[in-house]
Amino acid sequence: MESSLIYDLEDLQDTPALAIQSTEDNIVDPVQAALLDRVAQKEDAPVTYKTIEGAPHILQKRSHLDRLCNMTADFLSVSGVCDKR
């Protein structure tokens, strides 16, 4: 868990971040991602937490990949990350 983004939240105060968790992930425990979300909210860090239902750690199904792409595109358009130069 030492490699978790949780330990770097104070570095994210001015940088929006997107955390996407597969609910059937057998590599990264979904509890860790949910904890990240709770800590980010408590610290008022701009972290958006999303899940891909039924997906394993490595996305292979087209439906899971489409969901990932849509979540990422939505985040980038709403967060303004792509507008910063």
Foldseek 3Di string as FASTA:
>chain_A
DVPDCLVVQVVQQPPAEEAEEECAEPPDHPVSLVVSVVSCVVVVGNYHYYYDYPAYPDGDDPVSVVVVVVVVVVCCVVVVPVVDD
